[in-house]
Amino acid sequence: MVASQVVAGGRRTAWAQQHDPITLAPTHARSFEPAALSSRESAAVARFLMTLREPDARVASAVRAAAAWFRRTALHGFTYDLQAGKRD
């Protein structure tokens, strides 16, 4: 998991929705879906890593880097209603 965390501009960011199984690089799933970071998958990965009983320094650093990415890329002034599936 930690090895697949995307590095951009020399800093670790988040995880993509899909990763190549050999290179771990972000990849597309279907031709119309470009490779991209995914906040939902990244939150799930970070949440999983935080459940590890005795994480090593690499895991702790990966979680901190992901949290920093979430802070840097946060969108403000919008809401999303999961029940209705629409944005305001």
N, C-alpha and C. Protein backbone atom coordinates (compact mmCIF):
# COMPACT_ATOMS: atom_id res chain seq x y z
N MET A 1 0.83 -1.20 0.00
CA MET A 1 0.00 0.00 0.00
C MET A 1 0.87 1.26 0.00
N VAL A 2 1.82 1.28 0.86
CA VAL A 2 2.67 2.47 0.97
C VAL A 2 3.45 2.69 -0.33
N ALA A 3 3.90 1.61 -0.94
CA ALA A 3 4.68 1.73 -2.18
C ALA A 3 3.87 2.31 -3.33
N SER A 4 2.55 2.18 -3.28
CA SER A 4 1.73 2.69 -4.37
C SER A 4 1.27 4.13 -4.16
N GLN A 5 1.64 4.74 -3.05
CA GLN A 5 1.27 6.14 -2.83
C GLN A 5 1.95 7.01 -3.89
N VAL A 6 1.19 7.85 -4.53
CA VAL A 6 1.69 8.65 -5.64
C VAL A 6 2.58 9.79 -5.14
N VAL A 7 3.73 9.93 -5.79
CA VAL A 7 4.66 11.02 -5.49
C VAL A 7 4.57 12.02 -6.63
N ALA A 8 4.33 13.28 -6.29
CA ALA A 8 4.24 14.34 -7.29
C ALA A 8 5.06 15.53 -6.80
N GLY A 9 5.93 16.01 -7.64
CA GLY A 9 6.77 17.14 -7.24
C GLY A 9 7.65 16.81 -6.04
N GLY A 10 8.04 15.54 -5.91
CA GLY A 10 8.91 15.14 -4.82
C GLY A 10 8.21 14.90 -3.50
N ARG A 11 6.88 15.05 -3.48
CA ARG A 11 6.18 14.79 -2.21
C ARG A 11 5.08 13.75 -2.41
N ARG A 12 4.93 12.93 -1.39
CA ARG A 12 3.88 11.91 -1.44
C ARG A 12 2.53 12.58 -1.30
N THR A 13 1.56 12.07 -2.05
CA THR A 13 0.24 12.69 -2.07
C THR A 13 -0.81 11.69 -1.58
N ALA A 14 -1.48 11.05 -2.50
CA ALA A 14 -2.58 10.15 -2.18
C ALA A 14 -2.46 8.92 -3.07
N TRP A 15 -3.54 8.21 -3.24
CA TRP A 15 -3.56 7.00 -4.06
C TRP A 15 -4.51 7.19 -5.23
N ALA A 16 -4.24 6.48 -6.30
CA ALA A 16 -5.11 6.53 -7.48
C ALA A 16 -6.26 5.54 -7.31
N GLN A 17 -7.24 5.67 -8.17
CA GLN A 17 -8.35 4.73 -8.13
C GLN A 17 -7.88 3.34 -8.57
N GLN A 18 -7.00 3.29 -9.56
CA GLN A 18 -6.42 2.04 -10.01
C GLN A 18 -4.92 2.21 -10.15
N HIS A 19 -4.21 1.14 -9.86
CA HIS A 19 -2.75 1.12 -10.01
C HIS A 19 -2.36 -0.08 -10.85
N ASP A 20 -1.32 0.09 -11.66
CA ASP A 20 -0.80 -1.02 -12.44
C ASP A 20 -0.27 -2.09 -11.46
N PRO A 21 -0.61 -3.35 -11.65
CA PRO A 21 -0.19 -4.38 -10.71
C PRO A 21 1.31 -4.66 -10.68
N ILE A 22 2.00 -4.28 -11.74
CA ILE A 22 3.45 -4.52 -11.80
C ILE A 22 4.22 -3.29 -11.33
N THR A 23 3.93 -2.13 -11.92
CA THR A 23 4.71 -0.93 -11.62
C THR A 23 4.14 -0.12 -10.45
N LEU A 24 2.90 -0.37 -10.10
CA LEU A 24 2.17 0.38 -9.06
C LEU A 24 1.85 1.82 -9.48
N ALA A 25 2.16 2.17 -10.70
CA ALA A 25 1.86 3.51 -11.20
C ALA A 25 0.35 3.67 -11.38
N PRO A 26 -0.17 4.88 -11.21
CA PRO A 26 -1.60 5.09 -11.47
C PRO A 26 -1.92 4.74 -12.92
N THR A 27 -3.07 4.15 -13.14
CA THR A 27 -3.48 3.77 -14.48
C THR A 27 -4.98 3.95 -14.63
N HIS A 28 -5.45 3.88 -15.88
CA HIS A 28 -6.89 4.00 -16.12
C HIS A 28 -7.53 2.61 -16.03
N ALA A 29 -8.79 2.59 -15.70
CA ALA A 29 -9.53 1.32 -15.65
C ALA A 29 -10.19 1.06 -17.00
N ARG A 30 -10.80 2.08 -17.54
CA ARG A 30 -11.43 2.01 -18.86
C ARG A 30 -10.88 3.17 -19.69
N SER A 31 -11.03 3.08 -20.98
CA SER A 31 -10.40 4.07 -21.86
C SER A 31 -10.88 5.49 -21.60
N PHE A 32 -12.10 5.65 -21.09
CA PHE A 32 -12.62 7.00 -20.85
C PHE A 32 -12.35 7.50 -19.43
N GLU A 33 -11.65 6.72 -18.62
CA GLU A 33 -11.30 7.14 -17.26
C GLU A 33 -9.79 7.35 -17.17
N PRO A 34 -9.34 8.58 -17.16
CA PRO A 34 -7.89 8.80 -17.06
C PRO A 34 -7.37 8.42 -15.68
N ALA A 35 -6.10 8.10 -15.62
CA ALA A 35 -5.46 7.84 -14.34
C ALA A 35 -5.51 9.11 -13.51
N ALA A 36 -5.91 9.01 -12.27
CA ALA A 36 -6.03 10.19 -11.43
C ALA A 36 -6.03 9.80 -9.96
N LEU A 37 -5.65 10.74 -9.12
CA LEU A 37 -5.75 10.51 -7.68
C LEU A 37 -7.22 10.45 -7.30
N SER A 38 -7.52 9.69 -6.27
CA SER A 38 -8.91 9.53 -5.85
C SER A 38 -9.03 9.77 -4.35
N SER A 39 -9.81 10.77 -3.99
CA SER A 39 -9.95 11.09 -2.57
C SER A 39 -10.67 9.98 -1.82
N ARG A 40 -11.66 9.37 -2.43
CA ARG A 40 -12.41 8.32 -1.73
C ARG A 40 -11.52 7.10 -1.45
N GLU A 41 -10.81 6.62 -2.44
CA GLU A 41 -9.92 5.49 -2.24
C GLU A 41 -8.78 5.85 -1.29
N SER A 42 -8.27 7.07 -1.41
CA SER A 42 -7.18 7.50 -0.53
C SER A 42 -7.62 7.56 0.92
N ALA A 43 -8.83 8.01 1.16
CA ALA A 43 -9.35 8.05 2.53
C ALA A 43 -9.46 6.63 3.08
N ALA A 44 -9.92 5.70 2.24
CA ALA A 44 -10.04 4.31 2.69
C ALA A 44 -8.68 3.70 2.98
N VAL A 45 -7.69 3.98 2.14
CA VAL A 45 -6.34 3.45 2.37
C VAL A 45 -5.77 4.04 3.65
N ALA A 46 -5.87 5.36 3.81
CA ALA A 46 -5.34 6.00 5.02
C ALA A 46 -6.04 5.47 6.26
N ARG A 47 -7.33 5.31 6.18
CA ARG A 47 -8.10 4.77 7.32
C ARG A 47 -7.62 3.35 7.65
N PHE A 48 -7.40 2.53 6.63
CA PHE A 48 -6.89 1.18 6.86
C PHE A 48 -5.52 1.23 7.52
N LEU A 49 -4.63 2.04 6.97
CA LEU A 49 -3.27 2.12 7.53
C LEU A 49 -3.29 2.56 9.00
N MET A 50 -4.26 3.40 9.34
CA MET A 50 -4.35 3.87 10.74
C MET A 50 -4.87 2.79 11.68
N THR A 51 -5.38 1.68 11.14
CA THR A 51 -5.84 0.60 12.01
C THR A 51 -4.72 -0.37 12.38
N LEU A 52 -3.58 -0.26 11.73
CA LEU A 52 -2.48 -1.18 12.01
C LEU A 52 -2.00 -0.97 13.45
N ARG A 53 -1.85 -2.06 14.17
CA ARG A 53 -1.49 -1.96 15.60
C ARG A 53 -0.12 -1.37 15.84
N GLU A 54 0.86 -1.78 15.07
CA GLU A 54 2.22 -1.27 15.26
C GLU A 54 2.79 -0.83 13.91
N PRO A 55 2.31 0.30 13.39
CA PRO A 55 2.80 0.75 12.08
C PRO A 55 4.26 1.17 12.15
N ASP A 56 5.00 0.86 11.10
CA ASP A 56 6.39 1.31 11.06
C ASP A 56 6.43 2.77 10.62
N ALA A 57 7.61 3.32 10.58
CA ALA A 57 7.78 4.75 10.26
C ALA A 57 7.28 5.06 8.85
N ARG A 58 7.44 4.14 7.91
CA ARG A 58 6.96 4.38 6.54
C ARG A 58 5.45 4.52 6.49
N VAL A 59 4.75 3.68 7.25
CA VAL A 59 3.29 3.75 7.27
C VAL A 59 2.83 5.05 7.91
N ALA A 60 3.43 5.41 9.04
CA ALA A 60 3.05 6.65 9.72
C ALA A 60 3.31 7.86 8.82
N SER A 61 4.43 7.84 8.13
CA SER A 61 4.77 8.94 7.22
C SER A 61 3.78 9.00 6.05
N ALA A 62 3.37 7.85 5.54
CA ALA A 62 2.41 7.81 4.43
C ALA A 62 1.07 8.41 4.85
N VAL A 63 0.63 8.09 6.05
CA VAL A 63 -0.64 8.63 6.55
C VAL A 63 -0.53 10.14 6.74
N ARG A 64 0.58 10.60 7.31
CA ARG A 64 0.75 12.05 7.49
C ARG A 64 0.80 12.77 6.15
N ALA A 65 1.46 12.17 5.16
CA ALA A 65 1.54 12.78 3.83
C ALA A 65 0.16 12.84 3.18
N ALA A 66 -0.63 11.79 3.33
CA ALA A 66 -1.98 11.78 2.77
C ALA A 66 -2.84 12.85 3.45
N ALA A 67 -2.73 12.96 4.76
CA ALA A 67 -3.50 13.98 5.49
C ALA A 67 -3.12 15.38 5.02
N ALA A 68 -1.84 15.60 4.78
CA ALA A 68 -1.39 16.90 4.29
C ALA A 68 -1.96 17.15 2.89
N TRP A 69 -1.99 16.12 2.04
CA TRP A 69 -2.57 16.26 0.70
C TRP A 69 -4.04 16.61 0.79
N PHE A 70 -4.78 15.95 1.69
CA PHE A 70 -6.20 16.27 1.86
C PHE A 70 -6.38 17.73 2.28
N ARG A 71 -5.53 18.21 3.18
CA ARG A 71 -5.64 19.63 3.60
C ARG A 71 -5.35 20.57 2.44
N ARG A 72 -4.31 20.26 1.65
CA ARG A 72 -3.92 21.14 0.53
C ARG A 72 -4.97 21.17 -0.57
N THR A 73 -5.67 20.08 -0.78
CA THR A 73 -6.58 19.98 -1.92
C THR A 73 -8.05 20.08 -1.54
N ALA A 74 -8.32 20.41 -0.31
CA ALA A 74 -9.72 20.48 0.16
C ALA A 74 -10.50 21.53 -0.62
N LEU A 75 -11.74 21.21 -0.92
CA LEU A 75 -12.65 22.15 -1.56
C LEU A 75 -13.58 22.69 -0.48
N HIS A 76 -13.80 23.97 -0.49
CA HIS A 76 -14.66 24.60 0.51
C HIS A 76 -15.84 25.28 -0.19
N GLY A 77 -16.96 25.36 0.53
CA GLY A 77 -18.12 26.05 0.00
C GLY A 77 -19.06 25.15 -0.80
N PHE A 78 -18.82 23.85 -0.78
CA PHE A 78 -19.67 22.90 -1.50
C PHE A 78 -20.14 21.83 -0.53
N THR A 79 -21.28 21.26 -0.81
CA THR A 79 -21.76 20.11 -0.05
C THR A 79 -22.13 19.01 -1.03
N TYR A 80 -22.17 17.80 -0.53
CA TYR A 80 -22.56 16.66 -1.35
C TYR A 80 -23.54 15.82 -0.54
N ASP A 81 -24.70 15.58 -1.09
CA ASP A 81 -25.73 14.80 -0.42
C ASP A 81 -25.64 13.37 -0.93
N LEU A 82 -25.06 12.47 -0.11
CA LEU A 82 -24.91 11.09 -0.54
C LEU A 82 -26.23 10.41 -0.84
N GLN A 83 -27.26 10.74 -0.09
CA GLN A 83 -28.57 10.14 -0.30
C GLN A 83 -29.15 10.54 -1.65
N ALA A 84 -29.07 11.79 -1.97
CA ALA A 84 -29.66 12.30 -3.22
C ALA A 84 -28.69 12.16 -4.38
N GLY A 85 -27.38 12.03 -4.07
CA GLY A 85 -26.39 11.91 -5.13
C GLY A 85 -26.20 13.19 -5.92
N LYS A 86 -26.36 14.33 -5.26
CA LYS A 86 -26.17 15.59 -5.99
C LYS A 86 -25.35 16.57 -5.16
N ARG A 87 -24.79 17.53 -5.87
CA ARG A 87 -23.97 18.57 -5.24
C ARG A 87 -24.75 19.86 -5.20
N ASP A 88 -24.43 20.67 -4.19
CA ASP A 88 -24.98 22.03 -4.09
C ASP A 88 -23.88 23.04 -4.25
